[in-house]
């Protein structure tokens, strides 16, 4: 167990306090833990949950405000919110984790992490990983992830557990929220990648300029000669960063001056101009240029971090996409794809990919999340209408927003030609599958937006079990 005296000036303590881990969410408290009561606003005040933390077994609470006449271990830490990085550094140690990778980007983070994980595993290299779907690693228990990048204490603890298992390689998915909220602390991330950059999260960042600045801040401007950075030049931010960091690496489908220039030979074969950095020809067992782009990002980062390794030892064709990313289900001579595409750029990429590989009708089913960026809804509606023969609009995670308002936003720039609105997602999936079966062979249905998620979120945080994949299989098994 750890000693709180090692985190704070021991004059603040009445006695030694031993603890297991530090939590900023009282729901995560187990007996023997410390609760950090953060006050970020009147609505987000951890001090409201101190009783809950103690009831769950907390041995102490750290807070930035005074609590008078309380006999429990409630410890006042002035400017607590400014000291989280220092507390995390004192509480957790992971010096044996030599190579930490951080992947950011609007889309593509999860699949890039998944590819990197498989590259390490194929060569029996111990690795841990934390992405938006799950976290675990060599000898670690596999757990579902609650968010893309965890809070600073959970992240540091994850790395310490990796350290205890003698894992030298760790892979982290890094969201723009995590960068802005300093959830990655001052962890030395040597190898960083930018997979893409397009509109998203404007409800949080306000505008694209601020969103871009946050992403850019992830890359250390004090080390302009870094060789551990990889950028996708097919976005203006990637091109900007490539020009800024002179010794980094880049890849592109469009710019022949990139370190890796990608030619598409067929739906599952790509040719690379890379001056022997990567193989000249790569065959894959999945579809989607955007997913191949993420594979190149992973291969570059892996090669940079392990320059003595010959990539010919890797069976690249054996690499797979993560669950819920372009997940293919054969459907009587037709195909269903379940994909997480939830931004205009991602939906456009997925539909264009399917249009290029399928000769029949293209059907698209999607919705947009409530209480999130409204500006992307009409763009996604227009993309779906322009690239699909038939569109089904349905609920995603409406949360506290009226589903009818969400649909109005989606349809605001559409002509409504070949568009069906069915709010119940199960009914919409079944109707879209019926339409697919009535289409000629070679047709495809894209069910977009939720990917691997196994729930729908409604008012007041209520979550109901729901899986796009399970609904498709239920329909398929019934016919």
Protein backbone atom coordinates (compact mmCIF):
# COMPACT_ATOMS: atom_id res chain seq x y z
CA UNK A 1 0.00 0.00 0.00
CA UNK A 2 1.02 3.63 -0.47
CA UNK A 3 1.45 6.25 2.22
CA UNK A 4 -0.30 9.60 1.93
CA UNK A 5 2.68 11.24 3.64
CA UNK A 6 4.62 10.72 0.44
CA UNK A 7 2.11 12.87 -1.43
CA UNK A 8 1.64 15.73 1.03
CA UNK A 9 3.47 17.67 3.70
CA UNK A 10 3.10 15.29 6.66
CA UNK A 11 2.22 18.22 8.93
CA UNK A 12 -1.23 18.09 7.38
CA UNK A 13 -1.83 14.56 8.63
CA UNK A 14 -3.01 13.41 12.03
CA UNK A 15 -1.47 9.98 11.46
CA UNK A 16 -0.12 7.71 8.74
CA UNK A 17 -2.75 7.02 6.11
CA UNK A 18 -2.18 4.01 3.86
CA UNK A 19 -4.12 3.81 0.62
CA UNK A 20 -4.53 1.67 -2.49
CA UNK A 21 -5.40 4.15 -5.24
CA UNK A 22 -6.60 7.71 -5.86
CA UNK A 23 -9.99 8.44 -7.46
CA UNK A 24 -11.74 11.61 -8.59
CA UNK A 25 -15.09 9.83 -9.02
CA UNK A 26 -16.71 8.63 -5.81
CA UNK A 27 -18.32 5.74 -7.72
CA UNK A 28 -14.83 4.31 -8.33
CA UNK A 29 -13.90 4.25 -4.63
CA UNK A 30 -13.12 0.87 -3.11
CA UNK A 31 -12.21 0.32 0.56
CA UNK A 32 -8.76 1.78 1.20
CA UNK A 33 -8.84 4.45 -1.53
CA UNK A 34 -8.42 8.23 -1.45
CA UNK A 35 -11.05 10.51 -2.94
CA UNK A 36 -9.98 13.78 -4.56
CA UNK A 37 -12.92 16.19 -4.41
CA UNK A 38 -12.41 18.54 -7.35
CA UNK A 39 -14.45 21.69 -7.75
CA UNK A 40 -14.42 22.76 -11.39
CA UNK A 41 -17.71 24.65 -11.32
CA UNK A 42 -20.91 24.91 -9.30
CA UNK A 43 -22.27 21.96 -11.29
CA UNK A 44 -19.09 19.88 -11.05
CA UNK A 45 -18.21 19.90 -7.37
CA UNK A 46 -16.71 16.74 -5.92
CA UNK A 47 -17.31 18.05 -2.40
CA UNK A 48 -20.96 17.07 -2.86
CA UNK A 49 -19.86 13.42 -2.95
CA UNK A 50 -17.59 13.25 0.09
CA UNK A 51 -20.15 11.31 2.13
CA UNK A 52 -20.62 8.91 -0.77
CA UNK A 53 -16.85 8.37 -0.99
CA UNK A 54 -16.56 7.59 2.72
CA UNK A 55 -19.56 5.27 2.51
CA UNK A 56 -17.75 3.38 -0.26
CA UNK A 57 -14.70 2.95 1.96
CA UNK A 58 -12.47 5.97 1.33
CA UNK A 59 -9.77 6.36 4.00
CA UNK A 60 -9.27 10.06 3.27
CA UNK A 61 -10.50 12.93 1.13
CA UNK A 62 -8.40 15.67 -0.43
CA UNK A 63 -10.28 18.90 -1.09
CA UNK A 64 -9.51 22.44 -2.09
CA UNK A 65 -11.98 23.96 0.37
CA UNK A 66 -12.16 23.94 4.18
CA UNK A 67 -14.50 21.56 5.98
CA UNK A 68 -14.74 22.64 9.61
CA UNK A 69 -15.52 20.38 12.58
CA UNK A 70 -15.32 17.09 10.75
CA UNK A 71 -13.55 14.22 12.54
CA UNK A 72 -13.01 12.28 9.35
CA UNK A 73 -9.79 12.43 7.31
CA UNK A 74 -10.79 15.41 5.16
CA UNK A 75 -7.56 17.17 4.22
CA UNK A 76 -7.48 20.69 2.84
CA UNK A 77 -5.02 21.11 -0.05
CA UNK A 78 -4.83 24.72 -1.29
CA UNK A 79 -5.08 25.07 -5.09
CA UNK A 80 -5.81 21.36 -5.33
CA UNK A 81 -6.79 21.50 -9.00
CA UNK A 82 -3.32 22.84 -9.87
CA UNK A 83 -1.53 20.01 -8.04
CA UNK A 84 -3.00 16.96 -9.71
CA UNK A 85 0.06 16.26 -11.88
CA UNK A 86 2.38 16.49 -8.86
CA UNK A 87 0.11 14.20 -6.81
CA UNK A 88 -0.02 11.66 -9.63
CA UNK A 89 3.77 11.73 -10.06
CA UNK A 90 4.30 11.13 -6.35
CA UNK A 91 1.69 8.40 -6.10
CA UNK A 92 2.57 6.26 -9.10
CA UNK A 93 5.80 4.96 -10.64
CA UNK A 94 6.28 3.45 -14.08
CA UNK A 95 9.94 3.90 -14.94
CA UNK A 96 10.17 0.48 -16.62
CA UNK A 97 7.61 1.47 -19.25
CA UNK A 98 10.25 2.66 -21.71
CA UNK A 99 8.18 3.33 -24.82
CA UNK A 100 4.86 5.15 -24.50
CA UNK A 101 2.87 5.82 -27.66
CA UNK A 102 0.14 8.46 -27.85
CA UNK A 103 -2.35 8.60 -30.72
CA UNK A 104 -4.61 11.59 -31.31
CA UNK A 105 -6.86 12.65 -34.20
CA UNK A 106 -10.53 13.29 -34.90
CA UNK A 107 -10.96 9.77 -36.27
CA UNK A 108 -8.72 6.72 -36.36
CA UNK A 109 -7.27 6.65 -32.85
CA UNK A 110 -8.79 3.34 -31.79
CA UNK A 111 -7.91 1.38 -34.93
CA UNK A 112 -4.34 2.74 -34.90
CA UNK A 113 -3.91 1.61 -31.28
CA UNK A 114 -5.41 -1.77 -32.22
CA UNK A 115 -2.93 -2.18 -35.09
CA UNK A 116 0.00 -1.19 -32.86
CA UNK A 117 -1.10 -3.70 -30.24
CA UNK A 118 -1.18 -6.51 -32.81
CA UNK A 119 2.23 -5.54 -34.21
CA UNK A 120 3.78 -5.88 -30.75
CA UNK A 121 1.95 -9.12 -30.02
CA UNK A 122 3.01 -10.78 -33.28
CA UNK A 123 6.64 -10.38 -32.19
CA UNK A 124 5.91 -11.45 -28.60
CA UNK A 125 6.69 -7.99 -27.24
CA UNK A 126 4.92 -7.22 -23.97
CA UNK A 127 2.48 -4.36 -24.45
CA UNK A 128 -0.34 -2.60 -22.61
CA UNK A 129 -2.98 -0.40 -24.20
CA UNK A 130 -5.81 1.97 -23.30
CA UNK A 131 -8.35 2.93 -25.95
CA UNK A 132 -11.99 3.95 -26.09
CA UNK A 133 -13.17 0.32 -26.23
CA UNK A 134 -11.04 -1.51 -23.70
CA UNK A 135 -7.77 -1.54 -21.81
CA UNK A 136 -5.42 -4.31 -20.80
CA UNK A 137 -2.31 -5.96 -22.12
CA UNK A 138 0.25 -8.69 -21.55
CA UNK A 139 -0.77 -10.39 -18.31
CA UNK A 140 -3.29 -7.65 -17.50
CA UNK A 141 -7.00 -8.13 -17.00
CA UNK A 142 -8.98 -6.92 -20.02
CA UNK A 143 -11.49 -4.26 -18.98
CA UNK A 144 -14.04 -2.09 -20.75
CA UNK A 145 -13.03 1.57 -20.98
CA UNK A 146 -15.38 4.27 -19.71
CA UNK A 147 -13.85 6.97 -21.87
CA UNK A 148 -11.23 7.50 -24.57
CA UNK A 149 -8.57 8.78 -22.17
CA UNK A 150 -9.10 8.20 -18.42
CA UNK A 151 -8.56 10.77 -15.67
CA UNK A 152 -4.98 11.46 -14.65
CA UNK A 153 -4.96 9.15 -11.60
CA UNK A 154 -6.51 6.21 -13.44
CA UNK A 155 -4.04 6.69 -16.30
CA UNK A 156 -0.99 6.86 -14.04
CA UNK A 157 -2.23 3.81 -12.13
CA UNK A 158 -2.69 1.92 -15.41
CA UNK A 159 0.92 2.68 -16.30
CA UNK A 160 2.11 1.61 -12.84
CA UNK A 161 0.31 -1.72 -13.21
CA UNK A 162 2.00 -2.08 -16.62
CA UNK A 163 5.29 -1.35 -14.87
CA UNK A 164 4.65 -4.05 -12.27
CA UNK A 165 4.15 -6.56 -15.10
CA UNK A 166 7.48 -5.55 -16.68
CA UNK A 167 5.74 -4.15 -19.74
CA UNK A 168 8.03 -1.82 -21.67
CA UNK A 169 5.55 -0.69 -24.35
CA UNK A 170 2.31 1.13 -23.65
CA UNK A 171 -0.24 2.52 -26.12
CA UNK A 172 -2.56 5.41 -25.25
CA UNK A 173 -5.47 6.91 -27.13
CA UNK A 174 -5.41 10.67 -26.44
CA UNK A 175 -8.55 12.77 -26.95
CA UNK A 176 -8.64 16.54 -27.37
CA UNK A 177 -10.61 16.76 -24.10
CA UNK A 178 -7.81 14.90 -22.31
CA UNK A 179 -5.17 17.22 -23.77
CA UNK A 180 -7.10 20.34 -22.76
CA UNK A 181 -7.90 19.00 -19.28
CA UNK A 182 -4.27 17.89 -18.76
CA UNK A 183 -5.34 14.31 -18.08
CA UNK A 184 -2.07 12.98 -19.53
CA UNK A 185 -0.09 15.01 -16.99
CA UNK A 186 3.59 15.22 -17.85
CA UNK A 187 3.95 11.60 -18.99
CA UNK A 188 6.89 11.30 -21.39
CA UNK A 189 5.19 10.12 -24.56
CA UNK A 190 8.07 9.56 -26.98
CA UNK A 191 6.06 8.37 -29.96
CA UNK A 192 3.05 10.39 -31.09
CA UNK A 193 0.75 10.18 -34.09
CA UNK A 194 -1.93 12.39 -35.64
CA UNK A 195 -4.31 10.21 -37.64
CA UNK A 196 -6.74 12.84 -38.98
CA UNK A 197 -8.25 16.22 -38.31
CA UNK A 198 -11.77 17.35 -39.19
CA UNK A 199 -14.84 18.85 -37.55
CA UNK A 200 -15.90 17.43 -34.19
CA UNK A 201 -16.34 18.44 -30.54
CA UNK A 202 -17.16 22.05 -31.36
CA UNK A 203 -19.71 21.98 -28.54
CA UNK A 204 -16.66 21.75 -26.23
CA UNK A 205 -13.90 23.64 -28.08
CA UNK A 206 -16.10 26.36 -29.58
CA UNK A 207 -14.50 26.58 -33.02
CA UNK A 208 -12.10 24.76 -35.33
CA UNK A 209 -9.20 27.09 -34.55
CA UNK A 210 -9.33 26.28 -30.85
CA UNK A 211 -9.81 22.58 -31.58
CA UNK A 212 -6.75 22.68 -33.85
CA UNK A 213 -4.68 24.52 -31.24
CA UNK A 214 -5.48 21.88 -28.63
CA UNK A 215 -4.45 19.05 -30.94
CA UNK A 216 -1.26 20.88 -31.89
CA UNK A 217 -0.36 21.43 -28.23
CA UNK A 218 -0.05 17.65 -27.81
CA UNK A 219 3.15 17.76 -29.85
CA UNK A 220 6.11 19.26 -27.96
CA UNK A 221 7.10 22.56 -29.55
CA UNK A 222 10.32 22.50 -27.49
CA UNK A 223 11.58 19.57 -29.56
CA UNK A 224 11.20 20.59 -33.20
CA UNK A 225 13.72 17.90 -34.23
CA UNK A 226 11.66 15.01 -32.88
CA UNK A 227 11.88 11.80 -34.89
CA UNK A 228 9.14 10.13 -32.91
CA UNK A 229 6.20 11.98 -34.49
CA UNK A 230 4.02 10.75 -37.35
CA UNK A 231 1.45 12.92 -39.15
CA UNK A 232 -1.24 12.27 -41.71
CA UNK A 233 -0.66 15.01 -44.30
CA UNK A 234 -4.17 14.62 -45.74
CA UNK A 235 -5.44 17.22 -43.27
CA UNK A 236 -4.33 20.82 -42.98
CA UNK A 237 -3.22 20.29 -39.38
CA UNK A 238 -1.12 17.27 -40.33
CA UNK A 239 0.54 19.24 -43.13
CA UNK A 240 1.19 22.15 -40.76
CA UNK A 241 2.78 19.88 -38.16
CA UNK A 242 4.89 18.10 -40.79
CA UNK A 243 6.33 21.48 -41.83
CA UNK A 244 6.89 22.45 -38.19
CA UNK A 245 8.69 19.29 -37.04
CA UNK A 246 11.40 18.89 -39.63
CA UNK A 247 12.64 15.39 -38.77
CA UNK A 248 9.27 13.73 -38.24
CA UNK A 249 7.52 11.28 -40.58
CA UNK A 250 4.38 11.71 -42.63
CA UNK A 251 2.09 9.71 -44.91
CA UNK A 252 -0.47 10.66 -47.51
CA UNK A 253 -2.80 9.45 -50.24
CA UNK A 254 -2.41 12.78 -52.08
CA UNK A 255 1.00 14.36 -51.42
CA UNK A 256 3.86 12.66 -53.24
CA UNK A 257 6.37 14.51 -51.06
CA UNK A 258 5.23 12.69 -47.91
CA UNK A 259 7.63 10.17 -46.41
CA UNK A 260 5.11 7.48 -47.30
CA UNK A 261 2.99 8.05 -50.41
CA UNK A 262 0.13 5.57 -50.71
CA UNK A 263 -1.17 4.23 -54.05
CA UNK A 264 -4.27 2.10 -54.09
CA UNK A 265 -3.86 -0.99 -56.27
CA UNK A 266 -7.16 -2.71 -55.42
CA UNK A 267 -9.67 -2.81 -52.58
CA UNK A 268 -7.29 -4.88 -50.45
CA UNK A 269 -3.86 -4.06 -51.89
CA UNK A 270 -1.82 -0.86 -51.54
CA UNK A 271 1.54 0.20 -52.94
CA UNK A 272 3.85 2.44 -50.91
CA UNK A 273 6.59 4.85 -51.94
CA UNK A 274 8.59 5.16 -48.74
CA UNK A 275 12.31 4.85 -49.52
CA UNK A 276 12.29 1.37 -47.92
CA UNK A 277 10.92 2.64 -44.59
CA UNK A 278 7.92 0.35 -45.08
CA UNK A 279 7.23 -2.58 -47.44
CA UNK A 280 6.52 -1.61 -51.05
CA UNK A 281 3.33 -3.66 -51.28
CA UNK A 282 0.78 -4.43 -48.55
CA UNK A 283 -2.26 -6.69 -48.71
CA UNK A 284 -4.93 -6.34 -46.03
CA UNK A 285 -8.02 -8.30 -45.07
CA UNK A 286 -10.26 -5.31 -44.38
CA UNK A 287 -11.86 -2.53 -46.43
CA UNK A 288 -11.54 1.23 -46.22
CA UNK A 289 -8.79 3.60 -47.34
CA UNK A 290 -9.11 5.51 -44.06
CA UNK A 291 -8.42 2.33 -42.10
CA UNK A 292 -5.40 1.55 -44.26
CA UNK A 293 -4.20 5.09 -43.54
CA UNK A 294 -4.37 4.27 -39.83
CA UNK A 295 -2.42 1.07 -40.44
CA UNK A 296 0.37 3.09 -42.09
CA UNK A 297 0.45 5.38 -39.06
CA UNK A 298 0.84 2.34 -36.80
CA UNK A 299 3.53 0.77 -38.99
CA UNK A 300 5.55 4.00 -39.08
CA UNK A 301 5.40 4.49 -35.32
CA UNK A 302 6.30 0.85 -34.71
CA UNK A 303 9.27 1.05 -37.09
CA UNK A 304 10.51 4.32 -35.60
CA UNK A 305 10.37 2.86 -32.11
CA UNK A 306 11.99 -0.43 -33.17
CA UNK A 307 14.42 0.43 -35.93
CA UNK A 308 16.29 -2.87 -35.66
CA UNK A 309 13.16 -4.93 -36.40
CA UNK A 310 12.59 -6.20 -39.92
CA UNK A 311 8.91 -5.64 -40.78
CA UNK A 312 8.99 -8.67 -43.07
CA UNK A 313 8.61 -10.69 -39.86
CA UNK A 314 5.12 -9.20 -39.50
CA UNK A 315 2.10 -10.88 -41.09
CA UNK A 316 0.33 -7.67 -42.01
CA UNK A 317 -2.52 -9.53 -43.74
CA UNK A 318 -3.37 -11.07 -40.37
CA UNK A 319 -3.98 -7.65 -38.76
CA UNK A 320 -7.64 -6.96 -38.06
CA UNK A 321 -9.83 -3.98 -37.26
CA UNK A 322 -11.23 -3.54 -33.76
CA UNK A 323 -14.80 -4.50 -32.97
CA UNK A 324 -17.32 -2.04 -34.39
CA UNK A 325 -14.94 -0.57 -36.96
CA UNK A 326 -16.13 -1.51 -40.45
CA UNK A 327 -17.31 -4.80 -38.94
CA UNK A 328 -18.57 -6.90 -41.83
CA UNK A 329 -21.51 -9.32 -41.70
CA UNK A 330 -22.30 -11.40 -44.79
CA UNK A 331 -25.97 -11.18 -45.68
CA UNK A 332 -27.09 -13.51 -48.46
CA UNK A 333 -24.86 -12.07 -51.22
CA UNK A 334 -25.00 -8.63 -49.67
CA UNK A 335 -22.97 -7.00 -46.90
CA UNK A 336 -23.73 -5.21 -43.66
CA UNK A 337 -21.05 -3.00 -42.11
CA UNK A 338 -21.21 -1.72 -38.55
CA UNK A 339 -18.98 1.30 -38.08
CA UNK A 340 -18.31 3.94 -35.43
CA UNK A 341 -18.38 6.73 -38.06
CA UNK A 342 -19.92 9.63 -36.14
CA UNK A 343 -18.39 12.68 -37.79
CA UNK A 344 -18.92 14.12 -41.30
CA UNK A 345 -15.41 13.10 -42.36
CA UNK A 346 -15.74 9.54 -41.06
CA UNK A 347 -19.20 9.02 -42.59
CA UNK A 348 -17.97 10.36 -45.93
CA UNK A 349 -14.94 8.04 -45.86
CA UNK A 350 -16.99 4.96 -44.97
CA UNK A 351 -19.67 5.57 -47.62
CA UNK A 352 -17.14 6.37 -50.34
CA UNK A 353 -15.24 3.19 -49.52
CA UNK A 354 -18.38 1.06 -49.80
CA UNK A 355 -19.47 2.82 -53.00
CA UNK A 356 -16.13 1.85 -54.57
CA UNK A 357 -16.34 -1.80 -53.54
CA UNK A 358 -20.03 -2.64 -54.02
CA UNK A 359 -21.90 -2.66 -57.33
CA UNK A 360 -25.41 -2.73 -55.91
CA UNK A 361 -27.44 -0.32 -53.81
CA UNK A 362 -25.85 1.51 -50.88
CA UNK A 363 -28.04 2.00 -47.81
CA UNK A 364 -27.01 4.12 -44.83
CA UNK A 365 -28.47 4.14 -41.32
CA UNK A 366 -27.27 6.67 -38.76
CA UNK A 367 -28.26 9.22 -36.12
CA UNK A 368 -26.50 11.95 -34.17
CA UNK A 369 -25.86 12.14 -30.43
CA UNK A 370 -27.82 14.53 -28.24
CA UNK A 371 -26.15 17.25 -26.14
CA UNK A 372 -23.22 17.24 -28.55
CA UNK A 373 -21.96 19.32 -31.48
CA UNK A 374 -25.07 20.37 -33.46
CA UNK A 375 -23.11 21.90 -36.34
CA UNK A 376 -22.12 18.53 -37.82
CA UNK A 377 -25.65 17.11 -38.03
CA UNK A 378 -26.79 18.77 -41.26
CA UNK A 379 -23.44 17.97 -42.88
CA UNK A 380 -23.81 14.30 -42.05
CA UNK A 381 -27.36 14.33 -43.41
CA UNK A 382 -26.21 15.83 -46.69
CA UNK A 383 -23.32 13.38 -47.00
CA UNK A 384 -25.59 10.39 -46.39
CA UNK A 385 -28.16 11.65 -48.91
CA UNK A 386 -25.57 12.35 -51.61
CA UNK A 387 -23.64 9.09 -51.29
CA UNK A 388 -26.44 6.61 -50.53
CA UNK A 389 -29.34 5.22 -52.52
CA UNK A 390 -31.46 5.06 -49.39
CA UNK A 391 -31.06 6.61 -45.93
CA UNK A 392 -32.56 5.67 -42.57
CA UNK A 393 -32.33 8.34 -39.86
CA UNK A 394 -32.78 7.07 -36.30
CA UNK A 395 -31.81 7.65 -32.67
CA UNK A 396 -28.17 7.44 -31.68
CA UNK A 397 -27.71 8.48 -28.02
CA UNK A 398 -30.34 11.23 -27.64
CA UNK A 399 -29.39 11.89 -24.00
CA UNK A 400 -31.31 14.91 -22.69
CA UNK A 401 -32.18 16.30 -26.11
CA UNK A 402 -35.47 15.92 -27.96
CA UNK A 403 -34.89 13.30 -30.72
CA UNK A 404 -37.18 15.23 -33.05
CA UNK A 405 -34.94 18.30 -32.81
CA UNK A 406 -31.89 16.15 -33.60
CA UNK A 407 -33.57 14.77 -36.72
CA UNK A 408 -34.67 18.26 -37.80
CA UNK A 409 -31.04 19.34 -37.62
CA UNK A 410 -29.91 16.34 -39.67
CA UNK A 411 -32.52 16.96 -42.37
CA UNK A 412 -32.14 20.75 -42.52
CA UNK A 413 -30.02 20.67 -45.71
CA UNK A 414 -31.52 17.53 -47.25
CA UNK A 415 -34.14 17.24 -49.98
CA UNK A 416 -35.60 14.25 -48.09
CA UNK A 417 -35.40 12.12 -51.21
CA UNK A 418 -35.09 8.42 -50.30
CA UNK A 419 -34.85 9.30 -46.57
CA UNK A 420 -36.78 7.36 -43.92
CA UNK A 421 -37.09 8.57 -40.32
CA UNK A 422 -37.66 5.84 -37.72
CA UNK A 423 -36.83 6.90 -34.16
CA UNK A 424 -36.72 3.41 -32.67
CA UNK A 425 -33.23 2.16 -33.56
CA UNK A 426 -34.18 -1.53 -33.50
CA UNK A 427 -37.09 -0.95 -35.86
CA UNK A 428 -34.89 1.18 -38.11
CA UNK A 429 -32.24 -1.56 -38.29
CA UNK A 430 -34.84 -4.19 -39.14
CA UNK A 431 -36.40 -1.98 -41.85
CA UNK A 432 -32.99 -1.23 -43.36
CA UNK A 433 -32.15 -4.94 -43.38
CA UNK A 434 -35.44 -5.69 -45.16
CA UNK A 435 -34.53 -3.06 -47.72
CA UNK A 436 -31.10 -4.65 -48.14
CA UNK A 437 -32.63 -8.08 -48.75
CA UNK A 438 -34.89 -6.56 -51.41
CA UNK A 439 -31.87 -5.00 -53.12
CA UNK A 440 -29.84 -6.76 -55.80
CA UNK A 441 -26.78 -8.82 -54.86
CA UNK A 442 -23.69 -6.72 -54.34
CA UNK A 443 -25.59 -4.18 -52.24
CA UNK A 444 -24.39 -2.95 -48.85
CA UNK A 445 -25.83 -1.44 -45.69
CA UNK A 446 -23.77 0.84 -43.45
CA UNK A 447 -25.01 1.09 -39.85
CA UNK A 448 -23.03 4.05 -38.57
CA UNK A 449 -22.45 6.02 -35.39
CA UNK A 450 -22.25 3.58 -32.51
CA UNK A 451 -19.91 0.80 -33.58
CA UNK A 452 -19.12 -1.45 -30.63
CA UNK A 453 -21.28 0.46 -28.11
CA UNK A 454 -23.66 -1.92 -26.32
CA UNK A 455 -26.09 0.69 -25.01
CA UNK A 456 -28.23 3.69 -25.88
CA UNK A 457 -28.14 6.72 -23.60
CA UNK A 458 -31.35 8.59 -22.82
CA UNK A 459 -32.46 11.28 -20.37
CA UNK A 460 -30.61 11.77 -17.08
CA UNK A 461 -27.86 9.34 -18.05
CA UNK A 462 -30.21 6.35 -18.36
CA UNK A 463 -28.54 3.64 -20.41
CA UNK A 464 -30.45 0.79 -22.01
CA UNK A 465 -28.74 -2.30 -23.40
CA UNK A 466 -28.51 -2.12 -27.17
CA UNK A 467 -26.03 -3.52 -29.69
CA UNK A 468 -26.21 -2.88 -33.43
CA UNK A 469 -24.33 -6.13 -34.04
CA UNK A 470 -26.70 -8.21 -31.90
CA UNK A 471 -29.75 -6.71 -33.60
CA UNK A 472 -28.35 -7.54 -37.04
CA UNK A 473 -27.57 -11.10 -35.97
CA UNK A 474 -31.02 -11.48 -34.44
CA UNK A 475 -32.62 -10.49 -37.73
CA UNK A 476 -30.25 -12.68 -39.74
CA UNK A 477 -30.89 -15.74 -37.59
CA UNK A 478 -34.65 -15.27 -37.89
CA UNK A 479 -34.80 -15.34 -41.71
